[in-house]
C-alpha atoms as a PDB file:
ATOM      1  CA  UNK A   1     -42.825  67.867  69.763  1.00  0.00           C
ATOM      2  CA  UNK A   2     -45.628  66.084  67.774  1.00  0.00           C
ATOM      3  CA  UNK A   3     -45.945  62.333  68.224  1.00  0.00           C
ATOM      4  CA  UNK A   4     -45.064  61.512  64.598  1.00  0.00           C
ATOM      5  CA  UNK A   5     -42.275  63.535  64.444  1.00  0.00           C
ATOM      6  CA  UNK A   6     -40.613  61.728  67.343  1.00  0.00           C
ATOM      7  CA  UNK A   7     -41.354  58.469  65.903  1.00  0.00           C
ATOM      8  CA  UNK A   8     -39.738  59.344  62.584  1.00  0.00           C
ATOM      9  CA  UNK A   9     -36.527  60.296  64.414  1.00  0.00           C
ATOM     10  CA  UNK A  10     -35.814  56.676  66.215  1.00  0.00           C
ATOM     11  CA  UNK A  11     -34.480  54.036  64.040  1.00  0.00           C
ATOM     12  CA  UNK A  12     -37.016  50.717  62.850  1.00  0.00           C
ATOM     13  CA  UNK A  13     -33.981  48.735  63.944  1.00  0.00           C
ATOM     14  CA  UNK A  14     -31.155  50.109  65.346  1.00  0.00           C
ATOM     15  CA  UNK A  15     -29.171  47.548  64.296  1.00  0.00           C
ATOM     16  CA  UNK A  16     -30.208  47.455  60.411  1.00  0.00           C
ATOM     17  CA  UNK A  17     -31.013  51.380  59.846  1.00  0.00           C
ATOM     18  CA  UNK A  18     -28.299  52.916  62.599  1.00  0.00           C
ATOM     19  CA  UNK A  19     -28.800  54.144  66.035  1.00  0.00           C
ATOM     20  CA  UNK A  20     -30.748  57.314  67.178  1.00  0.00           C
ATOM     21  CA  UNK A  21     -29.074  60.175  65.405  1.00  0.00           C
ATOM     22  CA  UNK A  22     -27.047  58.516  63.499  1.00  0.00           C
ATOM     23  CA  UNK A  23     -28.837  56.623  60.438  1.00  0.00           C
ATOM     24  CA  UNK A  24     -26.666  54.524  58.037  1.00  0.00           C
ATOM     25  CA  UNK A  25     -28.403  55.506  54.902  1.00  0.00           C
ATOM     26  CA  UNK A  26     -26.938  58.939  54.483  1.00  0.00           C
ATOM     27  CA  UNK A  27     -23.607  57.313  54.727  1.00  0.00           C
ATOM     28  CA  UNK A  28     -24.510  54.423  52.203  1.00  0.00           C
ATOM     29  CA  UNK A  29     -25.849  56.606  49.558  1.00  0.00           C
ATOM     30  CA  UNK A  30     -22.139  58.335  48.726  1.00  0.00           C
ATOM     31  CA  UNK A  31     -21.534  54.823  46.983  1.00  0.00           C
ATOM     32  CA  UNK A  32     -23.707  54.783  44.534  1.00  0.00           C
ATOM     33  CA  UNK A  33     -24.169  58.678  43.900  1.00  0.00           C
ATOM     34  CA  UNK A  34     -19.991  58.870  43.641  1.00  0.00           C
ATOM     35  CA  UNK A  35     -19.694  55.992  41.316  1.00  0.00           C
ATOM     36  CA  UNK A  36     -22.738  57.310  38.757  1.00  0.00           C
ATOM     37  CA  UNK A  37     -20.975  60.657  38.998  1.00  0.00           C
ATOM     38  CA  UNK A  38     -17.461  59.264  38.100  1.00  0.00           C
ATOM     39  CA  UNK A  39     -18.969  57.237  35.559  1.00  0.00           C
ATOM     40  CA  UNK A  40     -20.427  60.076  33.832  1.00  0.00           C
ATOM     41  CA  UNK A  41     -17.179  61.882  33.828  1.00  0.00           C
ATOM     42  CA  UNK A  42     -15.683  58.527  32.310  1.00  0.00           C
ATOM     43  CA  UNK A  43     -18.344  58.323  29.373  1.00  0.00           C
ATOM     44  CA  UNK A  44     -17.419  62.205  28.829  1.00  0.00           C
ATOM     45  CA  UNK A  45     -13.473  61.841  29.185  1.00  0.00           C
ATOM     46  CA  UNK A  46     -13.954  58.245  26.692  1.00  0.00           C
ATOM     47  CA  UNK A  47     -14.879  61.131  24.169  1.00  0.00           C
ATOM     48  CA  UNK A  48     -12.123  63.523  24.789  1.00  0.00           C
ATOM     49  CA  UNK A  49      -8.974  60.991  25.622  1.00  0.00           C
ATOM     50  CA  UNK A  50      -6.708  58.895  24.050  1.00  0.00           C
ATOM     51  CA  UNK A  51      -7.740  55.803  25.885  1.00  0.00           C
ATOM     52  CA  UNK A  52     -11.274  55.531  24.980  1.00  0.00           C
ATOM     53  CA  UNK A  53     -11.554  51.727  26.327  1.00  0.00           C
ATOM     54  CA  UNK A  54     -10.474  51.984  29.454  1.00  0.00           C
ATOM     55  CA  UNK A  55     -12.635  54.991  30.092  1.00  0.00           C
ATOM     56  CA  UNK A  56     -15.752  52.817  29.024  1.00  0.00           C
ATOM     57  CA  UNK A  57     -14.699  49.531  30.781  1.00  0.00           C
ATOM     58  CA  UNK A  58     -13.897  52.136  34.025  1.00  0.00           C
ATOM     59  CA  UNK A  59     -17.677  53.889  33.255  1.00  0.00           C
ATOM     60  CA  UNK A  60     -19.516  50.157  33.002  1.00  0.00           C
ATOM     61  CA  UNK A  61     -17.768  48.783  36.368  1.00  0.00           C
ATOM     62  CA  UNK A  62     -18.627  51.932  38.198  1.00  0.00           C
ATOM     63  CA  UNK A  63     -22.053  51.786  36.979  1.00  0.00           C
ATOM     64  CA  UNK A  64     -22.280  48.282  38.349  1.00  0.00           C
ATOM     65  CA  UNK A  65     -20.934  49.314  41.782  1.00  0.00           C
ATOM     66  CA  UNK A  66     -23.234  52.097  42.067  1.00  0.00           C
ATOM     67  CA  UNK A  67     -26.181  49.630  41.427  1.00  0.00           C
ATOM     68  CA  UNK A  68     -24.988  47.194  44.275  1.00  0.00           C
ATOM     69  CA  UNK A  69     -24.272  50.221  46.549  1.00  0.00           C
ATOM     70  CA  UNK A  70     -27.295  51.644  45.834  1.00  0.00           C
ATOM     71  CA  UNK A  71     -29.797  48.397  46.315  1.00  0.00           C
ATOM     72  CA  UNK A  72     -27.721  48.175  49.543  1.00  0.00           C
ATOM     73  CA  UNK A  73     -28.312  52.166  50.343  1.00  0.00           C
ATOM     74  CA  UNK A  74     -32.382  51.252  49.495  1.00  0.00           C
ATOM     75  CA  UNK A  75     -32.985  48.740  52.105  1.00  0.00           C
ATOM     76  CA  UNK A  76     -31.333  50.856  54.955  1.00  0.00           C
ATOM     77  CA  UNK A  77     -33.908  53.647  53.334  1.00  0.00           C
ATOM     78  CA  UNK A  78     -37.144  51.747  53.293  1.00  0.00           C
ATOM     79  CA  UNK A  79     -36.212  51.056  57.368  1.00  0.00           C
ATOM     80  CA  UNK A  80     -36.151  54.907  57.552  1.00  0.00           C
ATOM     81  CA  UNK A  81     -39.292  55.457  55.662  1.00  0.00           C
ATOM     82  CA  UNK A  82     -40.935  52.758  57.209  1.00  0.00           C
ATOM     83  CA  UNK A  83     -40.703  55.267  60.509  1.00  0.00           C
ATOM     84  CA  UNK A  84     -42.554  58.638  59.085  1.00  0.00           C
ATOM     85  CA  UNK A  85     -45.967  58.695  59.313  1.00  0.00           C
ATOM     86  CA  UNK A  86     -48.418  58.447  56.491  1.00  0.00           C
ATOM     87  CA  UNK A  87     -50.556  61.017  55.183  1.00  0.00           C
ATOM     88  CA  UNK A  88     -47.436  63.863  56.313  1.00  0.00           C
ATOM     89  CA  UNK A  89     -45.687  66.390  54.422  1.00  0.00           C
ATOM     90  CA  UNK A  90     -42.581  64.495  54.979  1.00  0.00           C
ATOM     91  CA  UNK A  91     -44.268  60.966  54.201  1.00  0.00           C
ATOM     92  CA  UNK A  92     -45.048  62.274  50.508  1.00  0.00           C
ATOM     93  CA  UNK A  93     -41.624  63.995  50.385  1.00  0.00           C
ATOM     94  CA  UNK A  94     -40.009  60.670  51.177  1.00  0.00           C
ATOM     95  CA  UNK A  95     -41.737  58.827  48.647  1.00  0.00           C
ATOM     96  CA  UNK A  96     -40.987  61.075  46.016  1.00  0.00           C
ATOM     97  CA  UNK A  97     -36.954  60.575  46.809  1.00  0.00           C
ATOM     98  CA  UNK A  98     -37.770  56.905  46.806  1.00  0.00           C
ATOM     99  CA  UNK A  99     -39.373  56.919  43.683  1.00  0.00           C
ATOM    100  CA  UNK A 100     -37.081  58.806  41.650  1.00  0.00           C
ATOM    101  CA  UNK A 101     -34.240  56.640  43.565  1.00  0.00           C
ATOM    102  CA  UNK A 102     -35.749  53.546  42.573  1.00  0.00           C
ATOM    103  CA  UNK A 103     -36.134  55.002  38.944  1.00  0.00           C
ATOM    104  CA  UNK A 104     -32.494  56.254  38.237  1.00  0.00           C
ATOM    105  CA  UNK A 105     -31.239  52.491  39.333  1.00  0.00           C
ATOM    106  CA  UNK A 106     -33.586  50.710  37.389  1.00  0.00           C
ATOM    107  CA  UNK A 107     -32.501  53.247  34.546  1.00  0.00           C
ATOM    108  CA  UNK A 108     -28.775  52.364  35.142  1.00  0.00           C
ATOM    109  CA  UNK A 109     -29.205  49.085  35.454  1.00  0.00           C
ATOM    110  CA  UNK A 110     -30.379  48.952  32.060  1.00  0.00           C
ATOM    111  CA  UNK A 111     -27.623  51.407  30.995  1.00  0.00           C
ATOM    112  CA  UNK A 112     -25.370  48.683  32.937  1.00  0.00           C
ATOM    113  CA  UNK A 113     -26.894  45.592  30.570  1.00  0.00           C
ATOM    114  CA  UNK A 114     -27.168  47.694  27.454  1.00  0.00           C
ATOM    115  CA  UNK A 115     -23.527  48.436  27.599  1.00  0.00           C
ATOM    116  CA  UNK A 116     -22.435  44.872  28.419  1.00  0.00           C
ATOM    117  CA  UNK A 117     -24.568  44.176  25.828  1.00  0.00           C
ATOM    118  CA  UNK A 118     -23.118  46.123  22.963  1.00  0.00           C
ATOM    119  CA  UNK A 119     -19.904  46.955  24.275  1.00  0.00           C
ATOM    120  CA  UNK A 120     -17.598  48.109  21.382  1.00  0.00           C
ATOM    121  CA  UNK A 121     -13.531  47.228  21.670  1.00  0.00           C
ATOM    122  CA  UNK A 122     -11.327  50.630  21.133  1.00  0.00           C
ATOM    123  CA  UNK A 123     -14.492  52.677  20.740  1.00  0.00           C
ATOM    124  CA  UNK A 124     -15.651  56.044  23.164  1.00  0.00           C
ATOM    125  CA  UNK A 125     -19.126  55.036  24.956  1.00  0.00           C
ATOM    126  CA  UNK A 126     -22.170  55.401  22.754  1.00  0.00           C
ATOM    127  CA  UNK A 127     -23.307  59.022  22.661  1.00  0.00           C
ATOM    128  CA  UNK A 128     -27.204  57.738  23.908  1.00  0.00           C
ATOM    129  CA  UNK A 129     -25.456  56.238  26.804  1.00  0.00           C
ATOM    130  CA  UNK A 130     -24.105  59.216  27.742  1.00  0.00           C
ATOM    131  CA  UNK A 131     -27.353  61.010  27.654  1.00  0.00           C
ATOM    132  CA  UNK A 132     -29.173  58.491  29.842  1.00  0.00           C
ATOM    133  CA  UNK A 133     -26.193  58.690  32.492  1.00  0.00           C
ATOM    134  CA  UNK A 134     -26.565  62.196  32.523  1.00  0.00           C
ATOM    135  CA  UNK A 135     -30.282  62.356  32.543  1.00  0.00           C
ATOM    136  CA  UNK A 136     -30.291  59.786  35.748  1.00  0.00           C
ATOM    137  CA  UNK A 137     -27.704  62.323  37.227  1.00  0.00           C
ATOM    138  CA  UNK A 138     -29.794  65.014  37.345  1.00  0.00           C
ATOM    139  CA  UNK A 139     -32.494  62.715  38.339  1.00  0.00           C
ATOM    140  CA  UNK A 140     -29.698  62.255  41.149  1.00  0.00           C
ATOM    141  CA  UNK A 141     -29.207  66.193  42.227  1.00  0.00           C
ATOM    142  CA  UNK A 142     -33.498  66.459  42.233  1.00  0.00           C
ATOM    143  CA  UNK A 143     -33.445  62.772  44.748  1.00  0.00           C
ATOM    144  CA  UNK A 144     -30.895  64.151  46.766  1.00  0.00           C
ATOM    145  CA  UNK A 145     -32.630  67.870  47.808  1.00  0.00           C
ATOM    146  CA  UNK A 146     -35.794  65.614  48.483  1.00  0.00           C
ATOM    147  CA  UNK A 147     -33.666  63.749  50.686  1.00  0.00           C
ATOM    148  CA  UNK A 148     -32.037  66.955  52.205  1.00  0.00           C
ATOM    149  CA  UNK A 149     -35.587  68.274  52.797  1.00  0.00           C
ATOM    150  CA  UNK A 150     -36.359  64.961  54.947  1.00  0.00           C
ATOM    151  CA  UNK A 151     -33.248  65.641  56.996  1.00  0.00           C
ATOM    152  CA  UNK A 152     -32.779  69.578  56.996  1.00  0.00           C
ATOM    153  CA  UNK A 153     -36.165  70.351  57.197  1.00  0.00           C
ATOM    154  CA  UNK A 154     -38.456  67.548  58.689  1.00  0.00           C
ATOM    155  CA  UNK A 155     -35.363  66.244  61.004  1.00  0.00           C
ATOM    156  CA  UNK A 156     -36.017  62.810  59.952  1.00  0.00           C
ATOM    157  CA  UNK A 157     -33.734  60.325  61.542  1.00  0.00           C
ATOM    158  CA  UNK A 158     -32.050  63.466  63.075  1.00  0.00           C
ATOM    159  CA  UNK A 159     -31.813  63.581  67.048  1.00  0.00           C
ATOM    160  CA  UNK A 160     -34.064  65.809  68.703  1.00  0.00           C
ATOM    161  CA  UNK A 161     -33.081  69.359  69.626  1.00  0.00           C
ATOM    162  CA  UNK A 162     -32.761  68.689  73.321  1.00  0.00           C
ATOM    163  CA  UNK A 163     -30.058  66.065  72.175  1.00  0.00           C
ATOM    164  CA  UNK A 164     -28.410  68.233  69.741  1.00  0.00           C
ATOM    165  CA  UNK A 165     -27.769  71.266  72.622  1.00  0.00           C
ATOM    166  CA  UNK A 166     -25.283  68.684  73.993  1.00  0.00           C
ATOM    167  CA  UNK A 167     -22.896  69.472  71.446  1.00  0.00           C
ATOM    168  CA  UNK A 168     -23.251  73.322  72.228  1.00  0.00           C
ATOM    169  CA  UNK A 169     -22.447  72.648  75.730  1.00  0.00           C
ATOM    170  CA  UNK A 170     -19.010  74.632  77.120  1.00  0.00           C
ATOM    171  CA  UNK A 171     -17.408  74.746  80.674  1.00  0.00           C
ATOM    172  CA  UNK A 172     -19.286  77.822  81.050  1.00  0.00           C
ATOM    173  CA  UNK A 173     -22.902  76.301  81.034  1.00  0.00           C
ATOM    174  CA  UNK A 174     -21.632  74.209  84.096  1.00  0.00           C
ATOM    175  CA  UNK A 175     -21.590  71.112  82.112  1.00  0.00           C
ATOM    176  CA  UNK A 176     -18.617  68.571  80.902  1.00  0.00           C
ATOM    177  CA  UNK A 177     -18.531  68.782  77.850  1.00  0.00           C
ATOM    178  CA  UNK A 178     -20.796  66.104  75.955  1.00  0.00           C
ATOM    179  CA  UNK A 179     -22.239  64.812  78.815  1.00  0.00           C
ATOM    180  CA  UNK A 180     -25.656  65.549  80.344  1.00  0.00           C
ATOM    181  CA  UNK A 181     -25.217  65.820  84.141  1.00  0.00           C
ATOM    182  CA  UNK A 182     -24.092  68.750  85.637  1.00  0.00           C
ATOM    183  CA  UNK A 183     -20.724  68.893  86.703  1.00  0.00           C
ATOM    184  CA  UNK A 184     -19.796  69.107  90.387  1.00  0.00           C
ATOM    185  CA  UNK A 185     -18.612  71.915  92.088  1.00  0.00           C
ATOM    186  CA  UNK A 186     -15.275  71.407  94.120  1.00  0.00           C
END
């Protein structure tokens, strides 16, 4: 295994980024993604349902929750980025992933401030705000594709195949399931 690949599998800080083979970043990104997709659903629903103000307010809150979650996920993501060797395809993909996510987070911060400053009582979310949210969610799909490429194609922060093989051992293999040591024969 290449030295750079081996390095990209190990955390910069196990405490902050997650232990070997179990990074925190993929778990944390579910917060902003879920909040922002739900906010878009609330935006659209504010035009279709009778409780537009409730849905518009809910969407604003979801955007705020997503921003906080994105900042936390980004901090951990930077630690994962730090272990990827520069000048590699994995590094270029990671930088594109990061740039898209930072752009989306800034766009949502602007969207949140726009909504906060111009909120109107008893009205659905403004169409331009819905379009901005939809564009951000579309960008999240692209970023998610790149994040998946980092993990599933380049193996960033994924345990080495030798470690993964432990999960496929059976009693027939002469090993205790889930352990590296050979089973003792009676």
